[in-house]
């Protein structure tokens, strides 16, 4: 790992340890979205990691960003994941927006004065994103927007919604991307979803009922939205893999400490060979997952033809591995692993 990347990792790990981890359980319990703490992270440069330097961002590689998100997730995967969404929106505006859009939005996104959400999924279209039904109808005043977006992280709190809507016919070529401010008339939100976990991040529907925006809300040109969405999701897959990896790393650390402290039959349970085998397997699995993640990051950074495939592979393998390691960590704690105060059950 280059020295510069190692320094970034250290800053992110310190922030995760000192700011996120001490409050993560309380945030989850209270369903509190920690905007103030995320703005502290933004002040350290973590809200625009791969926005270009000449646009005010950090100009990092995807590998650098994955290292940062993994480190943040050791303190709270929920908040690290949302930071990755905000970063994706900022990057998409920097990459695909015009000068006016960049000048209006990027300074506020970089500081997180403006918080951003990404709206692609609908009640009837998830993985089949090209089948989305939400529509933006052009008239002489701009666009009239109608539709519902589902499972939107930050909905109701975020100030800006990068939203994929249909401006043309069926299929991917009819999809466009629009920037919709929170105060847009006709924009509303569904109830806060009750979830098994990730309660520090609100999840709601975004509802558009004859909402109106000007023509300047269009990102790029009509019909380019699906391409933008897929480009954003390549990086998004890497980011969610990195967040999962960081959460599993934290779970392993908790399990390691617990097994060293917990005594049975006259000695620490970490002294039992079976426990050592389990901990070793967990470490091996995380290292293997990280290797695939970093390879996928390198391919995306290099613009290689198979980068999209590797991003999808990394997301599938790393998240599955991280989930398994987190569950194994919980099992090592026995009944205590299921208690909120020990920190694993929320991971």
C-alpha atoms as a PDB file:
ATOM      1  CA  UNK A   1       0.000   0.000   0.000  1.00  0.00           C
ATOM      2  CA  UNK A   2       1.459   3.431  -0.932  1.00  0.00           C
ATOM      3  CA  UNK A   3       2.380   5.691   1.967  1.00  0.00           C
ATOM      4  CA  UNK A   4      -0.251   8.278   0.980  1.00  0.00           C
ATOM      5  CA  UNK A   5      -2.994   5.638   1.035  1.00  0.00           C
ATOM      6  CA  UNK A   6      -1.767   4.328   4.374  1.00  0.00           C
ATOM      7  CA  UNK A   7      -1.993   7.860   5.789  1.00  0.00           C
ATOM      8  CA  UNK A   8      -5.586   8.202   4.545  1.00  0.00           C
ATOM      9  CA  UNK A   9      -6.432   4.867   6.105  1.00  0.00           C
ATOM     10  CA  UNK A  10      -4.993   6.020   9.417  1.00  0.00           C
ATOM     11  CA  UNK A  11      -7.037   9.238   9.414  1.00  0.00           C
ATOM     12  CA  UNK A  12     -10.230   7.329   8.586  1.00  0.00           C
ATOM     13  CA  UNK A  13      -9.571   4.658  11.223  1.00  0.00           C
ATOM     14  CA  UNK A  14      -8.913   7.303  13.860  1.00  0.00           C
ATOM     15  CA  UNK A  15     -12.163   9.056  12.953  1.00  0.00           C
ATOM     16  CA  UNK A  16     -14.037   5.748  13.063  1.00  0.00           C
ATOM     17  CA  UNK A  17     -12.572   4.893  16.471  1.00  0.00           C
ATOM     18  CA  UNK A  18     -12.924   8.322  18.077  1.00  0.00           C
ATOM     19  CA  UNK A  19     -16.133   9.699  16.533  1.00  0.00           C
ATOM     20  CA  UNK A  20     -18.235   6.920  15.008  1.00  0.00           C
ATOM     21  CA  UNK A  21     -17.734   3.846  17.184  1.00  0.00           C
ATOM     22  CA  UNK A  22     -18.502   5.474  20.573  1.00  0.00           C
ATOM     23  CA  UNK A  23     -21.914   6.660  19.322  1.00  0.00           C
ATOM     24  CA  UNK A  24     -22.893   3.997  16.796  1.00  0.00           C
ATOM     25  CA  UNK A  25     -25.021   1.899  19.151  1.00  0.00           C
ATOM     26  CA  UNK A  26     -26.869   4.969  20.433  1.00  0.00           C
ATOM     27  CA  UNK A  27     -27.521   6.214  16.902  1.00  0.00           C
ATOM     28  CA  UNK A  28     -28.910   2.814  15.954  1.00  0.00           C
ATOM     29  CA  UNK A  29     -31.095   2.677  19.059  1.00  0.00           C
ATOM     30  CA  UNK A  30     -32.431   6.217  18.564  1.00  0.00           C
ATOM     31  CA  UNK A  31     -32.691   5.992  14.761  1.00  0.00           C
ATOM     32  CA  UNK A  32     -30.534   9.104  14.654  1.00  0.00           C
ATOM     33  CA  UNK A  33     -28.927  10.212  11.386  1.00  0.00           C
ATOM     34  CA  UNK A  34     -25.657  11.872  12.507  1.00  0.00           C
ATOM     35  CA  UNK A  35     -25.417  14.786  10.097  1.00  0.00           C
ATOM     36  CA  UNK A  36     -23.036  16.757  12.334  1.00  0.00           C
ATOM     37  CA  UNK A  37     -20.557  13.899  12.525  1.00  0.00           C
ATOM     38  CA  UNK A  38     -20.730  13.307   8.773  1.00  0.00           C
ATOM     39  CA  UNK A  39     -19.874  16.960   8.261  1.00  0.00           C
ATOM     40  CA  UNK A  40     -16.862  16.410  10.498  1.00  0.00           C
ATOM     41  CA  UNK A  41     -15.819  13.640   8.111  1.00  0.00           C
ATOM     42  CA  UNK A  42     -16.386  16.015   5.201  1.00  0.00           C
ATOM     43  CA  UNK A  43     -14.027  18.512   6.818  1.00  0.00           C
ATOM     44  CA  UNK A  44     -11.372  15.777   6.579  1.00  0.00           C
ATOM     45  CA  UNK A  45     -12.023  15.437   2.836  1.00  0.00           C
ATOM     46  CA  UNK A  46     -14.220  12.339   2.984  1.00  0.00           C
ATOM     47  CA  UNK A  47     -17.291  13.693   1.153  1.00  0.00           C
ATOM     48  CA  UNK A  48     -15.673  14.032  -2.280  1.00  0.00           C
ATOM     49  CA  UNK A  49     -12.993  11.373  -2.336  1.00  0.00           C
ATOM     50  CA  UNK A  50     -12.905  10.850  -6.105  1.00  0.00           C
ATOM     51  CA  UNK A  51     -14.191  14.231  -7.229  1.00  0.00           C
ATOM     52  CA  UNK A  52     -11.405  15.841  -9.261  1.00  0.00           C
ATOM     53  CA  UNK A  53      -8.959  18.077  -7.452  1.00  0.00           C
ATOM     54  CA  UNK A  54      -9.642  20.994  -9.803  1.00  0.00           C
ATOM     55  CA  UNK A  55     -13.303  20.721  -8.764  1.00  0.00           C
ATOM     56  CA  UNK A  56     -12.371  20.873  -5.086  1.00  0.00           C
ATOM     57  CA  UNK A  57     -12.334  17.162  -4.325  1.00  0.00           C
ATOM     58  CA  UNK A  58      -9.585  14.834  -3.187  1.00  0.00           C
ATOM     59  CA  UNK A  59      -9.028  13.292  -6.635  1.00  0.00           C
ATOM     60  CA  UNK A  60      -8.374   9.838  -5.201  1.00  0.00           C
ATOM     61  CA  UNK A  61      -8.434   6.492  -6.945  1.00  0.00           C
ATOM     62  CA  UNK A  62     -11.202   3.975  -6.366  1.00  0.00           C
ATOM     63  CA  UNK A  63      -8.719   1.852  -4.465  1.00  0.00           C
ATOM     64  CA  UNK A  64      -7.933   4.757  -2.152  1.00  0.00           C
ATOM     65  CA  UNK A  65     -11.650   5.338  -1.629  1.00  0.00           C
ATOM     66  CA  UNK A  66     -12.278   1.673  -0.822  1.00  0.00           C
ATOM     67  CA  UNK A  67      -9.554   1.801   1.818  1.00  0.00           C
ATOM     68  CA  UNK A  68     -11.214   4.869   3.373  1.00  0.00           C
ATOM     69  CA  UNK A  69     -14.730   3.382   3.367  1.00  0.00           C
ATOM     70  CA  UNK A  70     -13.489   0.138   4.892  1.00  0.00           C
ATOM     71  CA  UNK A  71     -11.743   2.087   7.632  1.00  0.00           C
ATOM     72  CA  UNK A  72     -14.828   4.216   8.349  1.00  0.00           C
ATOM     73  CA  UNK A  73     -16.987   1.097   8.487  1.00  0.00           C
ATOM     74  CA  UNK A  74     -14.945  -0.311  11.356  1.00  0.00           C
ATOM     75  CA  UNK A  75     -16.661   2.398  13.400  1.00  0.00           C
ATOM     76  CA  UNK A  76     -20.113   2.247  11.793  1.00  0.00           C
ATOM     77  CA  UNK A  77     -20.928   0.474   8.516  1.00  0.00           C
ATOM     78  CA  UNK A  78     -24.251   2.308   8.316  1.00  0.00           C
ATOM     79  CA  UNK A  79     -22.676   5.749   8.176  1.00  0.00           C
ATOM     80  CA  UNK A  80     -19.773   4.668   5.997  1.00  0.00           C
ATOM     81  CA  UNK A  81     -22.284   3.300   3.481  1.00  0.00           C
ATOM     82  CA  UNK A  82     -24.202   6.563   3.385  1.00  0.00           C
ATOM     83  CA  UNK A  83     -20.988   8.531   2.982  1.00  0.00           C
ATOM     84  CA  UNK A  84     -20.264   6.338  -0.033  1.00  0.00           C
ATOM     85  CA  UNK A  85     -23.658   7.221  -1.564  1.00  0.00           C
ATOM     86  CA  UNK A  86     -23.035  10.929  -1.048  1.00  0.00           C
ATOM     87  CA  UNK A  87     -19.606  10.528  -2.642  1.00  0.00           C
ATOM     88  CA  UNK A  88     -21.162   8.780  -5.632  1.00  0.00           C
ATOM     89  CA  UNK A  89     -23.592  11.637  -6.252  1.00  0.00           C
ATOM     90  CA  UNK A  90     -20.817  14.224  -5.970  1.00  0.00           C
ATOM     91  CA  UNK A  91     -18.697  12.240  -8.435  1.00  0.00           C
ATOM     92  CA  UNK A  92     -21.560  11.907 -10.915  1.00  0.00           C
ATOM     93  CA  UNK A  93     -22.160  15.665 -10.908  1.00  0.00           C
ATOM     94  CA  UNK A  94     -18.434  16.292 -11.332  1.00  0.00           C
ATOM     95  CA  UNK A  95     -18.121  13.688 -14.080  1.00  0.00           C
ATOM     96  CA  UNK A  96     -21.319  14.253 -16.053  1.00  0.00           C
ATOM     97  CA  UNK A  97     -22.592  17.690 -15.040  1.00  0.00           C
ATOM     98  CA  UNK A  98     -22.030  21.016 -16.754  1.00  0.00           C
ATOM     99  CA  UNK A  99     -20.038  23.924 -15.364  1.00  0.00           C
ATOM    100  CA  UNK A 100     -23.108  25.562 -13.847  1.00  0.00           C
ATOM    101  CA  UNK A 101     -24.170  22.383 -12.045  1.00  0.00           C
ATOM    102  CA  UNK A 102     -20.670  21.813 -10.750  1.00  0.00           C
ATOM    103  CA  UNK A 103     -20.359  25.378  -9.465  1.00  0.00           C
ATOM    104  CA  UNK A 104     -23.799  25.309  -7.810  1.00  0.00           C
ATOM    105  CA  UNK A 105     -23.619  21.918  -6.141  1.00  0.00           C
ATOM    106  CA  UNK A 106     -20.059  20.700  -5.655  1.00  0.00           C
ATOM    107  CA  UNK A 107     -18.837  23.218  -3.044  1.00  0.00           C
ATOM    108  CA  UNK A 108     -21.833  22.424  -0.837  1.00  0.00           C
ATOM    109  CA  UNK A 109     -21.566  18.686  -1.429  1.00  0.00           C
ATOM    110  CA  UNK A 110     -17.867  18.691  -0.602  1.00  0.00           C
ATOM    111  CA  UNK A 111     -18.587  20.305   2.789  1.00  0.00           C
ATOM    112  CA  UNK A 112     -21.833  18.335   3.203  1.00  0.00           C
ATOM    113  CA  UNK A 113     -23.700  21.575   3.721  1.00  0.00           C
ATOM    114  CA  UNK A 114     -25.857  19.840   1.118  1.00  0.00           C
ATOM    115  CA  UNK A 115     -26.393  16.105   1.665  1.00  0.00           C
ATOM    116  CA  UNK A 116     -27.238  13.966  -1.352  1.00  0.00           C
ATOM    117  CA  UNK A 117     -29.195  10.786  -2.031  1.00  0.00           C
ATOM    118  CA  UNK A 118     -29.302   8.566  -5.117  1.00  0.00           C
ATOM    119  CA  UNK A 119     -32.680   7.468  -6.485  1.00  0.00           C
ATOM    120  CA  UNK A 120     -32.792   4.588  -8.959  1.00  0.00           C
ATOM    121  CA  UNK A 121     -34.779   1.695  -7.458  1.00  0.00           C
ATOM    122  CA  UNK A 122     -38.573   1.701  -7.757  1.00  0.00           C
ATOM    123  CA  UNK A 123     -41.243  -0.548  -6.191  1.00  0.00           C
ATOM    124  CA  UNK A 124     -41.358  -2.564  -9.417  1.00  0.00           C
ATOM    125  CA  UNK A 125     -37.767  -2.317 -10.632  1.00  0.00           C
ATOM    126  CA  UNK A 126     -34.662  -3.117  -8.645  1.00  0.00           C
ATOM    127  CA  UNK A 127     -31.948  -5.045 -10.437  1.00  0.00           C
ATOM    128  CA  UNK A 128     -33.918  -4.516 -13.673  1.00  0.00           C
ATOM    129  CA  UNK A 129     -33.179  -0.809 -13.516  1.00  0.00           C
ATOM    130  CA  UNK A 130     -33.885  -0.209 -17.207  1.00  0.00           C
ATOM    131  CA  UNK A 131     -37.548  -1.090 -16.529  1.00  0.00           C
ATOM    132  CA  UNK A 132     -38.143   1.923 -14.286  1.00  0.00           C
ATOM    133  CA  UNK A 133     -41.492   3.713 -14.761  1.00  0.00           C
ATOM    134  CA  UNK A 134     -41.014   7.102 -13.097  1.00  0.00           C
ATOM    135  CA  UNK A 135     -41.357   9.814 -15.718  1.00  0.00           C
ATOM    136  CA  UNK A 136     -40.067  13.308 -16.412  1.00  0.00           C
ATOM    137  CA  UNK A 137     -42.247  15.017 -19.016  1.00  0.00           C
ATOM    138  CA  UNK A 138     -40.728  17.993 -20.826  1.00  0.00           C
ATOM    139  CA  UNK A 139     -42.718  21.203 -21.343  1.00  0.00           C
ATOM    140  CA  UNK A 140     -41.805  24.820 -22.026  1.00  0.00           C
ATOM    141  CA  UNK A 141     -41.009  25.415 -18.336  1.00  0.00           C
ATOM    142  CA  UNK A 142     -38.807  22.393 -17.722  1.00  0.00           C
ATOM    143  CA  UNK A 143     -39.920  18.962 -16.511  1.00  0.00           C
ATOM    144  CA  UNK A 144     -42.976  17.626 -14.698  1.00  0.00           C
ATOM    145  CA  UNK A 145     -41.993  14.626 -12.564  1.00  0.00           C
ATOM    146  CA  UNK A 146     -44.114  11.679 -11.474  1.00  0.00           C
ATOM    147  CA  UNK A 147     -43.149   8.384  -9.896  1.00  0.00           C
ATOM    148  CA  UNK A 148     -41.989   6.663  -6.725  1.00  0.00           C
ATOM    149  CA  UNK A 149     -38.486   5.634  -5.749  1.00  0.00           C
ATOM    150  CA  UNK A 150     -38.007   2.842  -3.219  1.00  0.00           C
ATOM    151  CA  UNK A 151     -35.432   2.108  -0.472  1.00  0.00           C
ATOM    152  CA  UNK A 152     -33.789   5.536  -0.689  1.00  0.00           C
ATOM    153  CA  UNK A 153     -31.068   6.067   1.905  1.00  0.00           C
ATOM    154  CA  UNK A 154     -31.220   9.492   3.524  1.00  0.00           C
ATOM    155  CA  UNK A 155     -34.663  10.270   2.101  1.00  0.00           C
ATOM    156  CA  UNK A 156     -36.394  13.076   3.946  1.00  0.00           C
ATOM    157  CA  UNK A 157     -33.127  14.415   5.346  1.00  0.00           C
ATOM    158  CA  UNK A 158     -30.984  14.776   2.237  1.00  0.00           C
ATOM    159  CA  UNK A 159     -31.092  18.102   0.451  1.00  0.00           C
ATOM    160  CA  UNK A 160     -30.524  16.850  -3.110  1.00  0.00           C
ATOM    161  CA  UNK A 161     -31.839  13.770  -4.946  1.00  0.00           C
ATOM    162  CA  UNK A 162     -30.056  12.527  -8.061  1.00  0.00           C
ATOM    163  CA  UNK A 163     -32.961  10.719  -9.674  1.00  0.00           C
ATOM    164  CA  UNK A 164     -33.311   8.468 -12.707  1.00  0.00           C
ATOM    165  CA  UNK A 165     -36.567   9.036 -14.598  1.00  0.00           C
ATOM    166  CA  UNK A 166     -37.907   8.145 -18.000  1.00  0.00           C
ATOM    167  CA  UNK A 167     -37.927  10.956 -20.558  1.00  0.00           C
ATOM    168  CA  UNK A 168     -38.239   8.726 -23.615  1.00  0.00           C
ATOM    169  CA  UNK A 169     -39.417   5.281 -24.619  1.00  0.00           C
ATOM    170  CA  UNK A 170     -38.898   1.905 -22.995  1.00  0.00           C
ATOM    171  CA  UNK A 171     -35.480   0.516 -22.234  1.00  0.00           C
ATOM    172  CA  UNK A 172     -32.221   2.058 -21.090  1.00  0.00           C
ATOM    173  CA  UNK A 173     -32.134   4.677 -23.848  1.00  0.00           C
ATOM    174  CA  UNK A 174     -35.218   6.383 -22.459  1.00  0.00           C
ATOM    175  CA  UNK A 175     -33.759   7.082 -19.001  1.00  0.00           C
ATOM    176  CA  UNK A 176     -32.411  10.471 -17.929  1.00  0.00           C
ATOM    177  CA  UNK A 177     -30.832  11.798 -14.722  1.00  0.00           C
ATOM    178  CA  UNK A 178     -32.212  14.854 -12.935  1.00  0.00           C
ATOM    179  CA  UNK A 179     -31.092  16.815  -9.880  1.00  0.00           C
ATOM    180  CA  UNK A 180     -34.078  17.429  -7.611  1.00  0.00           C
ATOM    181  CA  UNK A 181     -33.736  19.714  -4.558  1.00  0.00           C
ATOM    182  CA  UNK A 182     -35.600  18.768  -1.387  1.00  0.00           C
ATOM    183  CA  UNK A 183     -37.773  21.890  -1.495  1.00  0.00           C
ATOM    184  CA  UNK A 184     -39.190  21.056  -4.937  1.00  0.00           C
ATOM    185  CA  UNK A 185     -43.018  21.393  -4.878  1.00  0.00           C
ATOM    186  CA  UNK A 186     -44.597  17.978  -5.392  1.00  0.00           C
ATOM    187  CA  UNK A 187     -41.709  16.081  -3.781  1.00  0.00           C
ATOM    188  CA  UNK A 188     -42.654  14.147  -0.648  1.00  0.00           C
ATOM    189  CA  UNK A 189     -41.487  11.120   1.303  1.00  0.00           C
ATOM    190  CA  UNK A 190     -42.997   7.891   2.560  1.00  0.00           C
ATOM    191  CA  UNK A 191     -42.880   6.704   6.150  1.00  0.00           C
ATOM    192  CA  UNK A 192     -39.502   5.816   7.632  1.00  0.00           C
ATOM    193  CA  UNK A 193     -39.084   2.104   7.017  1.00  0.00           C
ATOM    194  CA  UNK A 194     -38.693  -0.184  10.023  1.00  0.00           C
ATOM    195  CA  UNK A 195     -35.605  -2.303   9.412  1.00  0.00           C
ATOM    196  CA  UNK A 196     -33.721  -5.132  11.055  1.00  0.00           C
ATOM    197  CA  UNK A 197     -30.585  -2.985  11.139  1.00  0.00           C
ATOM    198  CA  UNK A 198     -28.947   0.154   9.754  1.00  0.00           C
ATOM    199  CA  UNK A 199     -31.328   2.271  11.799  1.00  0.00           C
ATOM    200  CA  UNK A 200     -28.928   5.230  11.891  1.00  0.00           C
ATOM    201  CA  UNK A 201     -29.661   5.708   8.191  1.00  0.00           C
ATOM    202  CA  UNK A 202     -33.272   6.628   7.296  1.00  0.00           C
ATOM    203  CA  UNK A 203     -34.813   4.637   4.456  1.00  0.00           C
ATOM    204  CA  UNK A 204     -37.972   6.001   2.830  1.00  0.00           C
ATOM    205  CA  UNK A 205     -39.791   6.261  -0.455  1.00  0.00           C
ATOM    206  CA  UNK A 206     -39.222   9.374  -2.553  1.00  0.00           C
ATOM    207  CA  UNK A 207     -42.557  10.362  -4.096  1.00  0.00           C
ATOM    208  CA  UNK A 208     -42.953  12.697  -7.068  1.00  0.00           C
ATOM    209  CA  UNK A 209     -46.464  13.971  -7.787  1.00  0.00           C
ATOM    210  CA  UNK A 210     -46.494  16.569 -10.552  1.00  0.00           C
ATOM    211  CA  UNK A 211     -43.235  17.911  -9.151  1.00  0.00           C
ATOM    212  CA  UNK A 212     -41.648  20.542 -11.331  1.00  0.00           C
ATOM    213  CA  UNK A 213     -38.004  21.384 -12.007  1.00  0.00           C
ATOM    214  CA  UNK A 214     -36.377  23.601 -14.595  1.00  0.00           C
ATOM    215  CA  UNK A 215     -34.521  22.307 -17.621  1.00  0.00           C
ATOM    216  CA  UNK A 216     -31.261  23.053 -15.807  1.00  0.00           C
ATOM    217  CA  UNK A 217     -31.979  20.068 -13.520  1.00  0.00           C
ATOM    218  CA  UNK A 218     -31.106  17.636 -16.319  1.00  0.00           C
ATOM    219  CA  UNK A 219     -27.691  16.023 -15.836  1.00  0.00           C
ATOM    220  CA  UNK A 220     -26.013  15.593 -19.203  1.00  0.00           C
ATOM    221  CA  UNK A 221     -28.430  15.015 -22.073  1.00  0.00           C
ATOM    222  CA  UNK A 222     -31.734  13.178 -22.264  1.00  0.00           C
ATOM    223  CA  UNK A 223     -31.279   9.445 -22.650  1.00  0.00           C
ATOM    224  CA  UNK A 224     -27.898   9.320 -20.907  1.00  0.00           C
ATOM    225  CA  UNK A 225     -29.188   8.573 -17.413  1.00  0.00           C
ATOM    226  CA  UNK A 226     -28.909   4.806 -17.555  1.00  0.00           C
ATOM    227  CA  UNK A 227     -25.286   5.022 -18.643  1.00  0.00           C
ATOM    228  CA  UNK A 228     -24.602   7.454 -15.805  1.00  0.00           C
ATOM    229  CA  UNK A 229     -26.366   5.163 -13.341  1.00  0.00           C
ATOM    230  CA  UNK A 230     -24.351   2.126 -14.381  1.00  0.00           C
ATOM    231  CA  UNK A 231     -21.093   4.086 -14.176  1.00  0.00           C
ATOM    232  CA  UNK A 232     -22.008   5.210 -10.680  1.00  0.00           C
ATOM    233  CA  UNK A 233     -22.940   1.703  -9.629  1.00  0.00           C
ATOM    234  CA  UNK A 234     -19.595   0.233 -10.669  1.00  0.00           C
ATOM    235  CA  UNK A 235     -17.997   2.323  -7.956  1.00  0.00           C
ATOM    236  CA  UNK A 236     -20.987   1.822  -5.676  1.00  0.00           C
ATOM    237  CA  UNK A 237     -20.480  -1.931  -5.753  1.00  0.00           C
ATOM    238  CA  UNK A 238     -16.887  -1.492  -4.661  1.00  0.00           C
ATOM    239  CA  UNK A 239     -17.926   0.912  -1.921  1.00  0.00           C
ATOM    240  CA  UNK A 240     -20.573  -1.346  -0.413  1.00  0.00           C
ATOM    241  CA  UNK A 241     -18.100  -4.226  -0.509  1.00  0.00           C
ATOM    242  CA  UNK A 242     -15.570  -2.072   1.343  1.00  0.00           C
ATOM    243  CA  UNK A 243     -18.162  -1.081   3.954  1.00  0.00           C
ATOM    244  CA  UNK A 244     -19.107  -4.725   4.483  1.00  0.00           C
ATOM    245  CA  UNK A 245     -15.452  -5.631   4.853  1.00  0.00           C
ATOM    246  CA  UNK A 246     -14.928  -2.942   7.489  1.00  0.00           C
ATOM    247  CA  UNK A 247     -17.942  -4.102   9.463  1.00  0.00           C
ATOM    248  CA  UNK A 248     -16.724  -7.691   9.421  1.00  0.00           C
ATOM    249  CA  UNK A 249     -13.261  -6.538  10.476  1.00  0.00           C
ATOM    250  CA  UNK A 250     -14.838  -4.817  13.484  1.00  0.00           C
ATOM    251  CA  UNK A 251     -16.829  -7.953  14.313  1.00  0.00           C
ATOM    252  CA  UNK A 252     -13.666 -10.054  14.184  1.00  0.00           C
ATOM    253  CA  UNK A 253     -11.888  -7.611  16.503  1.00  0.00           C
ATOM    254  CA  UNK A 254     -14.772  -7.816  18.987  1.00  0.00           C
ATOM    255  CA  UNK A 255     -14.714 -11.611  18.855  1.00  0.00           C
ATOM    256  CA  UNK A 256     -10.950 -11.722  19.318  1.00  0.00           C
ATOM    257  CA  UNK A 257     -11.097  -9.516  22.416  1.00  0.00           C
ATOM    258  CA  UNK A 258     -14.016 -11.458  23.845  1.00  0.00           C
ATOM    259  CA  UNK A 259     -12.360 -14.849  23.411  1.00  0.00           C
ATOM    260  CA  UNK A 260      -9.247 -13.558  25.159  1.00  0.00           C
ATOM    261  CA  UNK A 261     -11.305 -12.339  28.128  1.00  0.00           C
ATOM    262  CA  UNK A 262     -13.936 -15.081  28.375  1.00  0.00           C
ATOM    263  CA  UNK A 263     -12.809 -18.020  30.507  1.00  0.00           C
ATOM    264  CA  UNK A 264     -14.127 -21.563  30.469  1.00  0.00           C
ATOM    265  CA  UNK A 265     -12.743 -24.720  32.038  1.00  0.00           C
ATOM    266  CA  UNK A 266     -10.006 -22.715  33.700  1.00  0.00           C
ATOM    267  CA  UNK A 267      -8.581 -20.811  30.726  1.00  0.00           C
ATOM    268  CA  UNK A 268      -9.404 -18.207  28.101  1.00  0.00           C
ATOM    269  CA  UNK A 269     -11.484 -19.696  25.309  1.00  0.00           C
ATOM    270  CA  UNK A 270      -8.965 -18.235  22.854  1.00  0.00           C
ATOM    271  CA  UNK A 271      -6.578 -20.905  24.136  1.00  0.00           C
ATOM    272  CA  UNK A 272      -8.775 -23.678  22.750  1.00  0.00           C
ATOM    273  CA  UNK A 273      -7.525 -24.883  19.393  1.00  0.00           C
ATOM    274  CA  UNK A 274     -11.019 -24.947  17.909  1.00  0.00           C
ATOM    275  CA  UNK A 275     -11.430 -21.247  18.682  1.00  0.00           C
ATOM    276  CA  UNK A 276      -8.046 -20.506  17.138  1.00  0.00           C
ATOM    277  CA  UNK A 277      -9.032 -22.379  13.978  1.00  0.00           C
ATOM    278  CA  UNK A 278     -12.244 -20.361  13.717  1.00  0.00           C
ATOM    279  CA  UNK A 279     -10.485 -17.030  14.204  1.00  0.00           C
ATOM    280  CA  UNK A 280      -7.808 -17.983  11.687  1.00  0.00           C
ATOM    281  CA  UNK A 281     -10.418 -18.958   9.092  1.00  0.00           C
ATOM    282  CA  UNK A 282     -12.208 -15.639   9.600  1.00  0.00           C
ATOM    283  CA  UNK A 283      -8.986 -13.711   9.060  1.00  0.00           C
ATOM    284  CA  UNK A 284      -8.139 -15.738   5.948  1.00  0.00           C
ATOM    285  CA  UNK A 285     -11.577 -15.123   4.453  1.00  0.00           C
ATOM    286  CA  UNK A 286     -11.348 -11.372   5.024  1.00  0.00           C
ATOM    287  CA  UNK A 287      -7.897 -11.196   3.462  1.00  0.00           C
ATOM    288  CA  UNK A 288      -9.102 -13.122   0.402  1.00  0.00           C
ATOM    289  CA  UNK A 289     -12.114 -10.843   0.082  1.00  0.00           C
ATOM    290  CA  UNK A 290      -9.935  -7.751   0.345  1.00  0.00           C
ATOM    291  CA  UNK A 291      -7.638  -9.067  -2.380  1.00  0.00           C
ATOM    292  CA  UNK A 292     -10.540  -9.422  -4.822  1.00  0.00           C
ATOM    293  CA  UNK A 293     -11.908  -6.007  -3.857  1.00  0.00           C
ATOM    294  CA  UNK A 294      -8.574  -4.323  -4.455  1.00  0.00           C
ATOM    295  CA  UNK A 295      -8.159  -6.087  -7.796  1.00  0.00           C
ATOM    296  CA  UNK A 296     -11.595  -4.864  -8.895  1.00  0.00           C
ATOM    297  CA  UNK A 297     -10.695  -1.338  -7.766  1.00  0.00           C
ATOM    298  CA  UNK A 298      -7.481  -1.448  -9.773  1.00  0.00           C
ATOM    299  CA  UNK A 299      -9.356  -2.578 -12.873  1.00  0.00           C
ATOM    300  CA  UNK A 300     -11.898   0.236 -12.566  1.00  0.00           C
ATOM    301  CA  UNK A 301      -9.129   2.776 -12.012  1.00  0.00           C
ATOM    302  CA  UNK A 302      -7.357   1.498 -15.130  1.00  0.00           C
ATOM    303  CA  UNK A 303     -10.539   1.495 -17.219  1.00  0.00           C
ATOM    304  CA  UNK A 304     -10.109  -2.160 -18.134  1.00  0.00           C
ATOM    305  CA  UNK A 305     -12.788  -3.804 -20.264  1.00  0.00           C
ATOM    306  CA  UNK A 306     -13.741  -6.351 -17.609  1.00  0.00           C
ATOM    307  CA  UNK A 307     -13.905  -3.824 -14.755  1.00  0.00           C
ATOM    308  CA  UNK A 308     -17.707  -3.951 -14.491  1.00  0.00           C
ATOM    309  CA  UNK A 309     -17.619  -7.737 -14.167  1.00  0.00           C
ATOM    310  CA  UNK A 310     -14.974  -7.546 -11.451  1.00  0.00           C
ATOM    311  CA  UNK A 311     -16.938  -4.875  -9.571  1.00  0.00           C
ATOM    312  CA  UNK A 312     -19.967  -7.176  -9.537  1.00  0.00           C
ATOM    313  CA  UNK A 313     -17.816 -10.145  -8.513  1.00  0.00           C
ATOM    314  CA  UNK A 314     -16.284  -8.168  -5.668  1.00  0.00           C
ATOM    315  CA  UNK A 315     -19.638  -7.008  -4.380  1.00  0.00           C
ATOM    316  CA  UNK A 316     -21.045 -10.536  -4.341  1.00  0.00           C
ATOM    317  CA  UNK A 317     -18.022 -12.263  -2.864  1.00  0.00           C
ATOM    318  CA  UNK A 318     -17.018  -9.625  -0.328  1.00  0.00           C
ATOM    319  CA  UNK A 319     -20.503  -9.011   1.060  1.00  0.00           C
ATOM    320  CA  UNK A 320     -21.199 -12.741   1.365  1.00  0.00           C
ATOM    321  CA  UNK A 321     -17.846 -13.306   3.047  1.00  0.00           C
ATOM    322  CA  UNK A 322     -18.291 -10.362   5.395  1.00  0.00           C
ATOM    323  CA  UNK A 323     -21.757 -11.542   6.398  1.00  0.00           C
ATOM    324  CA  UNK A 324     -20.438 -15.009   7.147  1.00  0.00           C
ATOM    325  CA  UNK A 325     -17.517 -13.671   9.192  1.00  0.00           C
ATOM    326  CA  UNK A 326     -19.802 -11.353  11.171  1.00  0.00           C
ATOM    327  CA  UNK A 327     -22.101 -14.285  11.954  1.00  0.00           C
ATOM    328  CA  UNK A 328     -19.155 -16.465  12.962  1.00  0.00           C
ATOM    329  CA  UNK A 329     -17.986 -13.670  15.255  1.00  0.00           C
ATOM    330  CA  UNK A 330     -21.425 -13.479  16.827  1.00  0.00           C
ATOM    331  CA  UNK A 331     -21.407 -17.236  17.443  1.00  0.00           C
ATOM    332  CA  UNK A 332     -18.073 -17.005  19.254  1.00  0.00           C
ATOM    333  CA  UNK A 333     -19.722 -14.665  21.744  1.00  0.00           C
ATOM    334  CA  UNK A 334     -22.513 -17.143  22.360  1.00  0.00           C
ATOM    335  CA  UNK A 335     -25.671 -15.539  23.716  1.00  0.00           C
ATOM    336  CA  UNK A 336     -23.849 -12.269  24.335  1.00  0.00           C
ATOM    337  CA  UNK A 337     -23.328 -11.847  20.609  1.00  0.00           C
ATOM    338  CA  UNK A 338     -27.048 -11.306  20.180  1.00  0.00           C
ATOM    339  CA  UNK A 339     -27.134  -8.455  22.694  1.00  0.00           C
ATOM    340  CA  UNK A 340     -26.976  -4.951  21.247  1.00  0.00           C
ATOM    341  CA  UNK A 341     -24.411  -3.680  23.746  1.00  0.00           C
ATOM    342  CA  UNK A 342     -21.725  -6.016  22.366  1.00  0.00           C
ATOM    343  CA  UNK A 343     -21.949  -4.376  18.952  1.00  0.00           C
ATOM    344  CA  UNK A 344     -21.976  -7.383  16.630  1.00  0.00           C
ATOM    345  CA  UNK A 345     -25.705  -7.926  16.136  1.00  0.00           C
ATOM    346  CA  UNK A 346     -26.094  -4.536  14.416  1.00  0.00           C
ATOM    347  CA  UNK A 347     -23.292  -5.352  11.954  1.00  0.00           C
END
